[in-house]
C-alpha atoms as a PDB file:
ATOM      1  CA  MET A   1      61.163 -27.584 -49.588  1.00  0.00           C
ATOM      2  CA  ALA A   2      62.610 -25.352 -46.813  1.00  0.00           C
ATOM      3  CA  LYS A   3      59.781 -22.898 -47.799  1.00  0.00           C
ATOM      4  CA  GLN A   4      56.878 -25.520 -47.697  1.00  0.00           C
ATOM      5  CA  ARG A   5      58.139 -26.300 -44.107  1.00  0.00           C
ATOM      6  CA  HIS A   6      58.376 -22.717 -42.965  1.00  0.00           C
ATOM      7  CA  GLU A   7      54.363 -22.345 -44.854  1.00  0.00           C
ATOM      8  CA  THR A   8      53.526 -25.164 -42.845  1.00  0.00           C
ATOM      9  CA  ARG A   9      55.057 -24.017 -39.111  1.00  0.00           C
ATOM     10  CA  LEU A  10      53.295 -20.648 -39.983  1.00  0.00           C
ATOM     11  CA  GLN A  11      49.779 -22.348 -40.284  1.00  0.00           C
ATOM     12  CA  ILE A  12      50.380 -24.407 -37.500  1.00  0.00           C
ATOM     13  CA  GLY A  13      51.391 -21.218 -35.489  1.00  0.00           C
ATOM     14  CA  SER A  14      48.176 -19.758 -36.704  1.00  0.00           C
ATOM     15  CA  GLU A  15      46.083 -22.680 -35.902  1.00  0.00           C
ATOM     16  CA  GLY A  16      47.802 -22.768 -32.619  1.00  0.00           C
ATOM     17  CA  ARG A  17      46.764 -18.961 -32.074  1.00  0.00           C
ATOM     18  CA  GLN A  18      43.258 -19.767 -33.223  1.00  0.00           C
ATOM     19  CA  GLU A  19      42.594 -22.733 -30.550  1.00  0.00           C
ATOM     20  CA  LEU A  20      44.063 -20.746 -27.985  1.00  0.00           C
ATOM     21  CA  GLY A  21      42.036 -17.719 -28.484  1.00  0.00           C
ATOM     22  CA  THR A  22      38.877 -19.513 -28.553  1.00  0.00           C
ATOM     23  CA  GLY A  23      39.897 -21.306 -25.628  1.00  0.00           C
ATOM     24  CA  ILE A  24      40.421 -18.169 -23.747  1.00  0.00           C
ATOM     25  CA  GLN A  25      37.221 -16.887 -24.647  1.00  0.00           C
ATOM     26  CA  THR A  26      35.574 -20.033 -23.709  1.00  0.00           C
ATOM     27  CA  HIS A  27      37.029 -19.589 -20.302  1.00  0.00           C
ATOM     28  CA  MET A  28      36.166 -16.086 -20.341  1.00  0.00           C
ATOM     29  CA  ASN A  29      32.191 -16.939 -21.043  1.00  0.00           C
ATOM     30  CA  GLU A  30      32.519 -19.530 -18.563  1.00  0.00           C
ATOM     31  CA  VAL A  31      33.506 -17.386 -15.941  1.00  0.00           C
ATOM     32  CA  THR A  32      31.067 -14.698 -16.797  1.00  0.00           C
ATOM     33  CA  ALA A  33      28.621 -17.143 -16.619  1.00  0.00           C
ATOM     34  CA  HIS A  34      29.568 -18.006 -13.445  1.00  0.00           C
ATOM     35  CA  VAL A  35      29.993 -14.836 -11.819  1.00  0.00           C
ATOM     36  CA  GLY A  36      26.823 -13.689 -13.418  1.00  0.00           C
ATOM     37  CA  ALA A  37      24.602 -16.890 -11.550  1.00  0.00           C
ATOM     38  CA  GLY A  38      26.400 -15.789  -8.431  1.00  0.00           C
ATOM     39  CA  VAL A  39      24.975 -12.117  -8.893  1.00  0.00           C
ATOM     40  CA  ALA A  40      21.730 -13.697  -9.558  1.00  0.00           C
ATOM     41  CA  ALA A  41      21.655 -16.077  -6.471  1.00  0.00           C
ATOM     42  CA  GLY A  42      23.027 -12.922  -4.410  1.00  0.00           C
ATOM     43  CA  SER A  43      19.951 -10.903  -5.929  1.00  0.00           C
ATOM     44  CA  GLY A  44      17.706 -13.634  -4.999  1.00  0.00           C
ATOM     45  CA  ASP A  45      18.488 -14.249  -1.601  1.00  0.00           C
ATOM     46  CA  ARG A  46      18.654  -9.957  -1.345  1.00  0.00           C
ATOM     47  CA  TRP A  47      15.115 -10.484  -2.533  1.00  0.00           C
ATOM     48  CA  ARG A  48      14.223 -12.929  -0.278  1.00  0.00           C
ATOM     49  CA  LEU A  49      15.342 -11.229   2.829  1.00  0.00           C
ATOM     50  CA  ARG A  50      13.370  -7.788   1.722  1.00  0.00           C
ATOM     51  CA  ARG A  51      10.089 -10.025   1.268  1.00  0.00           C
ATOM     52  CA  PHE A  52      10.235 -10.173   5.102  1.00  0.00           C
ATOM     53  CA  LEU A  53      11.277  -7.118   5.795  1.00  0.00           C
ATOM     54  CA  PRO A  54       7.670  -5.707   6.121  1.00  0.00           C
ATOM     55  CA  ILE A  55       6.612  -8.279   8.509  1.00  0.00           C
ATOM     56  CA  GLY A  56      10.040  -8.347  10.575  1.00  0.00           C
ATOM     57  CA  VAL A  57       9.190  -4.628  11.438  1.00  0.00           C
ATOM     58  CA  ILE A  58       6.077  -5.274  12.692  1.00  0.00           C
ATOM     59  CA  ALA A  59       6.654  -8.319  14.435  1.00  0.00           C
ATOM     60  CA  ALA A  60       9.181  -6.028  16.424  1.00  0.00           C
ATOM     61  CA  VAL A  61       6.736  -3.461  16.978  1.00  0.00           C
ATOM     62  CA  ILE A  62       4.293  -6.384  18.029  1.00  0.00           C
ATOM     63  CA  ALA A  63       7.159  -7.718  20.851  1.00  0.00           C
ATOM     64  CA  VAL A  64       7.955  -4.136  22.276  1.00  0.00           C
ATOM     65  CA  ALA A  65       4.227  -3.549  22.790  1.00  0.00           C
ATOM     66  CA  TYR A  66       3.906  -6.755  24.389  1.00  0.00           C
ATOM     67  CA  ALA A  67       7.456  -6.447  26.405  1.00  0.00           C
ATOM     68  CA  ARG A  68       6.423  -2.840  27.597  1.00  0.00           C
ATOM     69  CA  GLY A  69       3.062  -4.182  28.713  1.00  0.00           C
ATOM     70  CA  TRP A  70       1.180  -1.429  26.655  1.00  0.00           C
ATOM     71  CA  TYR A  71      -1.555  -3.960  25.841  1.00  0.00           C
ATOM     72  CA  SER A  72      -2.536  -4.161  29.329  1.00  0.00           C
ATOM     73  CA  GLN A  73      -2.364  -0.517  30.598  1.00  0.00           C
ATOM     74  CA  MET A  74      -5.742   0.418  28.545  1.00  0.00           C
ATOM     75  CA  SER A  75      -8.149  -0.501  30.907  1.00  0.00           C
ATOM     76  CA  LEU A  76     -12.091   1.107  31.211  1.00  0.00           C
ATOM     77  CA  ALA A  77     -10.790   2.413  34.515  1.00  0.00           C
ATOM     78  CA  SER A  78      -7.220   4.106  32.960  1.00  0.00           C
ATOM     79  CA  VAL A  79      -9.527   5.216  29.774  1.00  0.00           C
ATOM     80  CA  ALA A  80     -12.009   6.819  32.104  1.00  0.00           C
ATOM     81  CA  GLU A  81      -9.570   8.620  34.692  1.00  0.00           C
ATOM     82  CA  SER A  82      -7.628  10.195  31.639  1.00  0.00           C
ATOM     83  CA  ARG A  83     -10.646  11.134  29.643  1.00  0.00           C
ATOM     84  CA  ASP A  84     -11.335  14.417  31.355  1.00  0.00           C
ATOM     85  CA  ALA A  85      -7.332  15.733  30.783  1.00  0.00           C
ATOM     86  CA  LEU A  86      -7.615  14.246  27.141  1.00  0.00           C
ATOM     87  CA  GLN A  87     -11.077  16.031  26.377  1.00  0.00           C
ATOM     88  CA  THR A  88      -9.464  19.093  27.593  1.00  0.00           C
ATOM     89  CA  TYR A  89      -6.706  18.675  25.138  1.00  0.00           C
ATOM     90  CA  VAL A  90      -9.373  17.597  22.151  1.00  0.00           C
ATOM     91  CA  ASP A  91     -11.297  20.937  22.429  1.00  0.00           C
ATOM     92  CA  ARG A  92      -8.064  23.016  22.181  1.00  0.00           C
ATOM     93  CA  ASN A  93      -6.349  21.255  19.058  1.00  0.00           C
ATOM     94  CA  TYR A  94      -9.266  19.245  17.806  1.00  0.00           C
ATOM     95  CA  LEU A  95      -7.681  18.490  14.166  1.00  0.00           C
ATOM     96  CA  LEU A  96      -4.629  17.432  15.638  1.00  0.00           C
ATOM     97  CA  SER A  97      -5.901  15.220  18.346  1.00  0.00           C
ATOM     98  CA  LEU A  98      -8.413  13.612  15.647  1.00  0.00           C
ATOM     99  CA  ALA A  99      -4.999  12.759  13.245  1.00  0.00           C
ATOM    100  CA  GLY A 100      -3.222  11.836  16.488  1.00  0.00           C
ATOM    101  CA  PHE A 101      -6.060   9.061  17.354  1.00  0.00           C
ATOM    102  CA  VAL A 102      -6.193   8.065  13.647  1.00  0.00           C
ATOM    103  CA  ALA A 103      -2.539   7.671  13.578  1.00  0.00           C
ATOM    104  CA  PHE A 104      -2.348   5.851  16.777  1.00  0.00           C
ATOM    105  CA  TYR A 105      -5.134   3.599  15.908  1.00  0.00           C
ATOM    106  CA  VAL A 106      -3.180   2.142  12.606  1.00  0.00           C
ATOM    107  CA  ILE A 107      -0.156   1.343  15.058  1.00  0.00           C
ATOM    108  CA  VAL A 108      -2.330  -0.248  17.231  1.00  0.00           C
ATOM    109  CA  THR A 109      -4.294  -2.336  14.503  1.00  0.00           C
ATOM    110  CA  ALA A 110      -0.863  -2.989  12.891  1.00  0.00           C
ATOM    111  CA  ALA A 111       0.638  -4.179  15.850  1.00  0.00           C
ATOM    112  CA  SER A 112      -2.363  -6.362  16.755  1.00  0.00           C
ATOM    113  CA  VAL A 113      -2.325  -5.433  20.004  1.00  0.00           C
ATOM    114  CA  PRO A 114      -5.467  -5.960  21.911  1.00  0.00           C
ATOM    115  CA  ILE A 115      -6.927  -2.633  22.672  1.00  0.00           C
ATOM    116  CA  ALA A 116      -8.818  -1.685  19.660  1.00  0.00           C
ATOM    117  CA  THR A 117     -12.032  -1.999  21.001  1.00  0.00           C
ATOM    118  CA  MET A 118     -11.413   0.153  23.930  1.00  0.00           C
ATOM    119  CA  LEU A 119      -9.713   2.613  21.895  1.00  0.00           C
ATOM    120  CA  THR A 120     -12.799   2.974  19.897  1.00  0.00           C
ATOM    121  CA  ILE A 121     -14.878   3.401  22.809  1.00  0.00           C
ATOM    122  CA  LEU A 122     -12.402   6.035  24.069  1.00  0.00           C
ATOM    123  CA  GLY A 123     -12.627   7.902  20.636  1.00  0.00           C
ATOM    124  CA  GLY A 124     -16.398   7.716  21.066  1.00  0.00           C
ATOM    125  CA  GLY A 125     -16.201   9.554  24.043  1.00  0.00           C
ATOM    126  CA  LEU A 126     -14.039  12.352  22.912  1.00  0.00           C
ATOM    127  CA  PHE A 127     -15.230  13.408  19.459  1.00  0.00           C
ATOM    128  CA  GLY A 128     -18.553  11.430  19.575  1.00  0.00           C
ATOM    129  CA  TRP A 129     -20.009   8.322  18.000  1.00  0.00           C
ATOM    130  CA  LEU A 130     -19.926   9.547  14.466  1.00  0.00           C
ATOM    131  CA  VAL A 131     -16.841  11.279  13.878  1.00  0.00           C
ATOM    132  CA  GLY A 132     -15.021   8.488  16.837  1.00  0.00           C
ATOM    133  CA  GLY A 133     -16.292   5.387  14.742  1.00  0.00           C
ATOM    134  CA  LEU A 134     -15.392   7.355  11.091  1.00  0.00           C
ATOM    135  CA  SER A 135     -11.830   7.471  12.432  1.00  0.00           C
ATOM    136  CA  ALA A 136     -11.465   3.976  14.212  1.00  0.00           C
ATOM    137  CA  ALA A 137     -12.612   2.122  10.988  1.00  0.00           C
ATOM    138  CA  VAL A 138     -10.179   4.817   9.102  1.00  0.00           C
ATOM    139  CA  GLY A 139      -7.192   3.574  11.413  1.00  0.00           C
ATOM    140  CA  ALA A 140      -8.402   0.055  11.343  1.00  0.00           C
ATOM    141  CA  THR A 141      -8.788  -0.252   7.528  1.00  0.00           C
ATOM    142  CA  VAL A 142      -5.134   1.495   7.129  1.00  0.00           C
ATOM    143  CA  GLY A 143      -3.442  -0.800   9.650  1.00  0.00           C
ATOM    144  CA  ALA A 144      -5.282  -4.127   8.670  1.00  0.00           C
ATOM    145  CA  ALA A 145      -3.920  -3.120   4.743  1.00  0.00           C
ATOM    146  CA  LEU A 146      -0.551  -2.761   6.508  1.00  0.00           C
ATOM    147  CA  ILE A 147      -0.767  -6.566   8.020  1.00  0.00           C
ATOM    148  CA  PHE A 148      -2.082  -7.667   4.548  1.00  0.00           C
ATOM    149  CA  LEU A 149       0.506  -6.232   2.574  1.00  0.00           C
ATOM    150  CA  ALA A 150       3.610  -7.568   4.847  1.00  0.00           C
ATOM    151  CA  ALA A 151       1.930 -10.735   4.932  1.00  0.00           C
ATOM    152  CA  ARG A 152       1.310 -11.070   1.267  1.00  0.00           C
ATOM    153  CA  SER A 153       4.907  -9.761   0.783  1.00  0.00           C
ATOM    154  CA  ALA A 154       6.353 -12.331   2.812  1.00  0.00           C
ATOM    155  CA  CYS A 155       4.351 -15.502   1.951  1.00  0.00           C
ATOM    156  CA  GLY A 156       2.818 -14.481  -1.389  1.00  0.00           C
ATOM    157  CA  THR A 157       0.013 -17.061  -2.708  1.00  0.00           C
ATOM    158  CA  GLY A 158       2.332 -20.033  -2.418  1.00  0.00           C
ATOM    159  CA  LEU A 159       0.446 -21.463   0.881  1.00  0.00           C
ATOM    160  CA  ARG A 160      -2.651 -22.284  -0.909  1.00  0.00           C
ATOM    161  CA  GLY A 161      -1.704 -25.539  -2.376  1.00  0.00           C
ATOM    162  CA  ARG A 162      -0.490 -26.782   1.059  1.00  0.00           C
ATOM    163  CA  VAL A 163      -3.338 -26.408   3.304  1.00  0.00           C
ATOM    164  CA  ALA A 164      -6.242 -28.687   4.065  1.00  0.00           C
ATOM    165  CA  GLY A 165      -9.249 -29.189   6.220  1.00  0.00           C
ATOM    166  CA  PHE A 166     -10.641 -25.866   7.539  1.00  0.00           C
ATOM    167  CA  ALA A 167      -7.611 -23.660   5.923  1.00  0.00           C
ATOM    168  CA  ASP A 168      -8.865 -25.059   2.903  1.00  0.00           C
ATOM    169  CA  ARG A 169     -12.427 -24.399   3.136  1.00  0.00           C
ATOM    170  CA  LEU A 170     -11.207 -20.741   4.074  1.00  0.00           C
ATOM    171  CA  ALA A 171      -9.288 -20.724   0.718  1.00  0.00           C
ATOM    172  CA  CYS A 172     -11.893 -21.984  -1.739  1.00  0.00           C
ATOM    173  CA  GLY A 173     -14.508 -18.983   0.184  1.00  0.00           C
ATOM    174  CA  PHE A 174     -11.922 -16.624  -0.454  1.00  0.00           C
ATOM    175  CA  GLU A 175     -11.945 -17.831  -4.283  1.00  0.00           C
ATOM    176  CA  SER A 176     -15.291 -17.717  -5.325  1.00  0.00           C
ATOM    177  CA  ASN A 177     -16.590 -14.701  -3.700  1.00  0.00           C
ATOM    178  CA  ALA A 178     -13.588 -12.901  -1.989  1.00  0.00           C
ATOM    179  CA  PHE A 179     -15.270  -9.542  -1.251  1.00  0.00           C
ATOM    180  CA  GLY A 180     -18.540 -11.326   0.233  1.00  0.00           C
ATOM    181  CA  TYR A 181     -16.958 -13.575   2.284  1.00  0.00           C
ATOM    182  CA  LEU A 182     -14.232 -11.259   3.454  1.00  0.00           C
ATOM    183  CA  LEU A 183     -17.186  -9.037   4.284  1.00  0.00           C
ATOM    184  CA  VAL A 184     -19.010 -11.551   6.710  1.00  0.00           C
ATOM    185  CA  LEU A 185     -15.621 -12.524   8.444  1.00  0.00           C
ATOM    186  CA  ARG A 186     -15.455  -8.596   9.226  1.00  0.00           C
ATOM    187  CA  LEU A 187     -18.911  -8.599  10.438  1.00  0.00           C
ATOM    188  CA  ALA A 188     -18.914 -11.618  12.782  1.00  0.00           C
ATOM    189  CA  PRO A 189     -17.578 -10.188  16.141  1.00  0.00           C
ATOM    190  CA  PHE A 190     -16.469 -13.745  17.132  1.00  0.00           C
ATOM    191  CA  ILE A 191     -13.445 -14.029  14.643  1.00  0.00           C
ATOM    192  CA  PRO A 192     -10.285 -12.352  15.377  1.00  0.00           C
ATOM    193  CA  PHE A 193      -9.268  -9.317  13.363  1.00  0.00           C
ATOM    194  CA  CYS A 194      -5.608  -9.934  13.324  1.00  0.00           C
ATOM    195  CA  VAL A 195      -6.966 -13.674  11.999  1.00  0.00           C
ATOM    196  CA  VAL A 196      -8.783 -11.766   8.998  1.00  0.00           C
ATOM    197  CA  ASN A 197      -5.751  -9.207   8.343  1.00  0.00           C
ATOM    198  CA  VAL A 198      -3.490 -12.230   7.271  1.00  0.00           C
ATOM    199  CA  ALA A 199      -5.574 -14.833   5.684  1.00  0.00           C
ATOM    200  CA  PRO A 200      -6.887 -13.007   2.754  1.00  0.00           C
ATOM    201  CA  ALA A 201      -3.374 -12.170   1.796  1.00  0.00           C
ATOM    202  CA  LEU A 202      -2.614 -16.214   1.596  1.00  0.00           C
ATOM    203  CA  PHE A 203      -5.337 -16.939  -0.832  1.00  0.00           C
ATOM    204  CA  LYS A 204      -4.937 -14.132  -3.808  1.00  0.00           C
ATOM    205  CA  VAL A 205      -7.324 -11.609  -2.432  1.00  0.00           C
ATOM    206  CA  ARG A 206      -6.617  -8.358  -4.233  1.00  0.00           C
ATOM    207  CA  PRO A 207      -5.783  -5.079  -2.148  1.00  0.00           C
ATOM    208  CA  ARG A 208      -8.649  -3.361  -3.081  1.00  0.00           C
ATOM    209  CA  THR A 209     -10.886  -5.873  -2.674  1.00  0.00           C
ATOM    210  CA  PHE A 210      -9.558  -6.680   1.133  1.00  0.00           C
ATOM    211  CA  VAL A 211      -9.733  -2.763   1.790  1.00  0.00           C
ATOM    212  CA  ALA A 212     -13.404  -1.964   0.180  1.00  0.00           C
ATOM    213  CA  ALA A 213     -14.382  -5.304   2.066  1.00  0.00           C
ATOM    214  CA  THR A 214     -12.519  -4.254   5.565  1.00  0.00           C
ATOM    215  CA  ALA A 215     -14.088  -0.514   5.270  1.00  0.00           C
ATOM    216  CA  ILE A 216     -17.284  -1.461   4.740  1.00  0.00           C
ATOM    217  CA  GLY A 217     -17.350  -4.540   7.303  1.00  0.00           C
ATOM    218  CA  ILE A 218     -15.849  -2.504  10.321  1.00  0.00           C
ATOM    219  CA  LEU A 219     -17.961   0.100  10.259  1.00  0.00           C
ATOM    220  CA  PRO A 220     -21.131  -1.106  12.093  1.00  0.00           C
ATOM    221  CA  GLY A 221     -18.999  -2.612  15.067  1.00  0.00           C
ATOM    222  CA  ALA A 222     -17.207   0.959  15.142  1.00  0.00           C
ATOM    223  CA  PHE A 223     -20.201   2.895  15.373  1.00  0.00           C
ATOM    224  CA  ALA A 224     -21.536   0.391  17.839  1.00  0.00           C
ATOM    225  CA  TYR A 225     -18.874   0.527  20.037  1.00  0.00           C
ATOM    226  CA  ALA A 226     -17.941   4.440  19.542  1.00  0.00           C
ATOM    227  CA  SER A 227     -21.386   5.368  20.944  1.00  0.00           C
ATOM    228  CA  LEU A 228     -20.535   3.369  24.102  1.00  0.00           C
ATOM    229  CA  GLY A 229     -18.300   6.319  24.763  1.00  0.00           C
ATOM    230  CA  ASN A 230     -20.730   8.415  26.343  1.00  0.00           C
ATOM    231  CA  GLY A 231     -21.795   5.895  28.983  1.00  0.00           C
ATOM    232  CA  LEU A 232     -17.996   5.350  30.146  1.00  0.00           C
ATOM    233  CA  ASP A 233     -17.717   7.150  33.134  1.00  0.00           C
ATOM    234  CA  SER A 234     -20.905   5.870  34.530  1.00  0.00           C
ATOM    235  CA  VAL A 235     -20.109   2.405  34.186  1.00  0.00           C
ATOM    236  CA  VAL A 236     -16.633   2.472  35.839  1.00  0.00           C
ATOM    237  CA  GLU A 237     -18.250   4.366  38.715  1.00  0.00           C
ATOM    238  CA  ALA A 238     -20.824   1.690  38.737  1.00  0.00           C
ATOM    239  CA  ALA A 239     -18.374  -0.925  39.067  1.00  0.00           C
ATOM    240  CA  GLN A 240     -16.382   0.984  41.687  1.00  0.00           C
ATOM    241  CA  ARG A 241     -19.074   1.202  44.140  1.00  0.00           C
ATOM    242  CA  ALA A 242     -19.484  -2.506  43.452  1.00  0.00           C
ATOM    243  CA  GLY A 243     -16.159  -3.111  44.705  1.00  0.00           C
ATOM    244  CA  ARG A 244     -14.512  -4.366  41.106  1.00  0.00           C
ATOM    245  CA  ASP A 245     -13.335  -3.351  37.942  1.00  0.00           C
ATOM    246  CA  ALA A 246     -15.206  -2.568  35.293  1.00  0.00           C
ATOM    247  CA  ALA A 247     -15.161  -4.840  32.512  1.00  0.00           C
ATOM    248  CA  LEU A 248     -15.685  -4.465  28.990  1.00  0.00           C
ATOM    249  CA  SER A 249     -18.994  -6.882  29.338  1.00  0.00           C
ATOM    250  CA  ASP A 250     -20.411  -3.853  31.394  1.00  0.00           C
ATOM    251  CA  LEU A 251     -20.598  -1.645  28.306  1.00  0.00           C
ATOM    252  CA  VAL A 252     -21.002  -4.488  25.362  1.00  0.00           C
ATOM    253  CA  THR A 253     -24.484  -5.233  26.007  1.00  0.00           C
ATOM    254  CA  PRO A 254     -26.514  -8.406  24.605  1.00  0.00           C
ATOM    255  CA  GLU A 255     -28.292  -6.510  22.623  1.00  0.00           C
ATOM    256  CA  ILE A 256     -25.409  -5.127  20.697  1.00  0.00           C
ATOM    257  CA  VAL A 257     -23.623  -8.435  20.209  1.00  0.00           C
ATOM    258  CA  ALA A 258     -27.123  -9.697  18.558  1.00  0.00           C
ATOM    259  CA  ALA A 259     -27.019  -6.482  16.268  1.00  0.00           C
ATOM    260  CA  LEU A 260     -23.800  -7.635  15.386  1.00  0.00           C
ATOM    261  CA  ALA A 261     -24.686 -11.036  14.725  1.00  0.00           C
ATOM    262  CA  CYS A 262     -27.442 -10.181  12.638  1.00  0.00           C
ATOM    263  CA  LEU A 263     -25.226  -8.400  10.375  1.00  0.00           C
ATOM    264  CA  THR A 264     -23.062 -11.169   9.976  1.00  0.00           C
ATOM    265  CA  LEU A 265     -26.071 -13.168   9.100  1.00  0.00           C
ATOM    266  CA  ILE A 266     -27.616 -11.204   6.383  1.00  0.00           C
ATOM    267  CA  ALA A 267     -24.314 -10.756   4.789  1.00  0.00           C
ATOM    268  CA  LEU A 268     -23.949 -14.588   4.791  1.00  0.00           C
ATOM    269  CA  VAL A 269     -27.191 -15.123   3.377  1.00  0.00           C
ATOM    270  CA  ALA A 270     -26.039 -12.989   0.332  1.00  0.00           C
ATOM    271  CA  VAL A 271     -22.934 -14.716  -0.049  1.00  0.00           C
ATOM    272  CA  VAL A 272     -24.795 -18.176  -0.130  1.00  0.00           C
ATOM    273  CA  ILE A 273     -27.317 -16.612  -2.268  1.00  0.00           C
ATOM    274  CA  ARG A 274     -24.380 -15.467  -4.809  1.00  0.00           C
ATOM    275  CA  VAL A 275     -22.824 -19.133  -4.607  1.00  0.00           C
ATOM    276  CA  ALA A 276     -25.918 -20.668  -5.404  1.00  0.00           C
ATOM    277  CA  ALA A 277     -26.730 -18.636  -8.249  1.00  0.00           C
ATOM    278  CA  ALA A 278     -23.371 -18.930  -9.807  1.00  0.00           C
ATOM    279  CA  ARG A 279     -23.353 -22.704  -9.384  1.00  0.00           C
ATOM    280  CA  ARG A 280     -26.586 -22.810 -11.343  1.00  0.00           C
ATOM    281  CA  ALA A 281     -25.540 -20.542 -14.046  1.00  0.00           C
ATOM    282  CA  ALA A 282     -22.641 -22.952 -14.571  1.00  0.00           C
END
């Protein structure tokens, strides 16, 4: 009898230790799961913050540029005044000057400082219309790509399902024929450059499509504005004799605007034909 009671106590003790071990293991699993969830949440928060880092840096550069008035310091008169000194430096350090011009153009474009047209004219005056136009196009394409990637990182494509009206039509255009639609927007002289940098990032446009359409679409305008560089001095002098400041409209003739508008129309017609053909095929 005593032996039976002893065996019963051993069995109960063994079961108790087993239950205790199971309870400890369950508790440890819960703690591990809780810690893992916390780490995952922390990683998610850090990832969300990192997504906004590129656009935050660009926003900071824009704020500094506007606070210091950099965008207002580059007028036709100031460009003409500094052109001789810049030309001397370019003649002595051609490759370095060209690289510096492209790098500065990238910064100006990425920061959305509205002096790109003036900078293109200056590049045409310093390097000639061909090299100046190509350099401006390269700088503008790289700067636009930086804005595009920053907006894509920050916003992703989650905005697509929440847009309506004009934004929805814009999104449909990008999704149906991203390259052609973006090319039309790049050629159009009346659409702000910075808007076309950001909008495709919200509507599932691939980076290589964005870069290709941007590089091709801005070339006509880059060459047109670069070709104005040689006539900059005479325009500024004529405006000064008239007792006023030279304006960009003194250089940009109606013929140039009409030519860019015609290019836009041609690209638009091509897009319309392609969309219509796709609908008939469907």
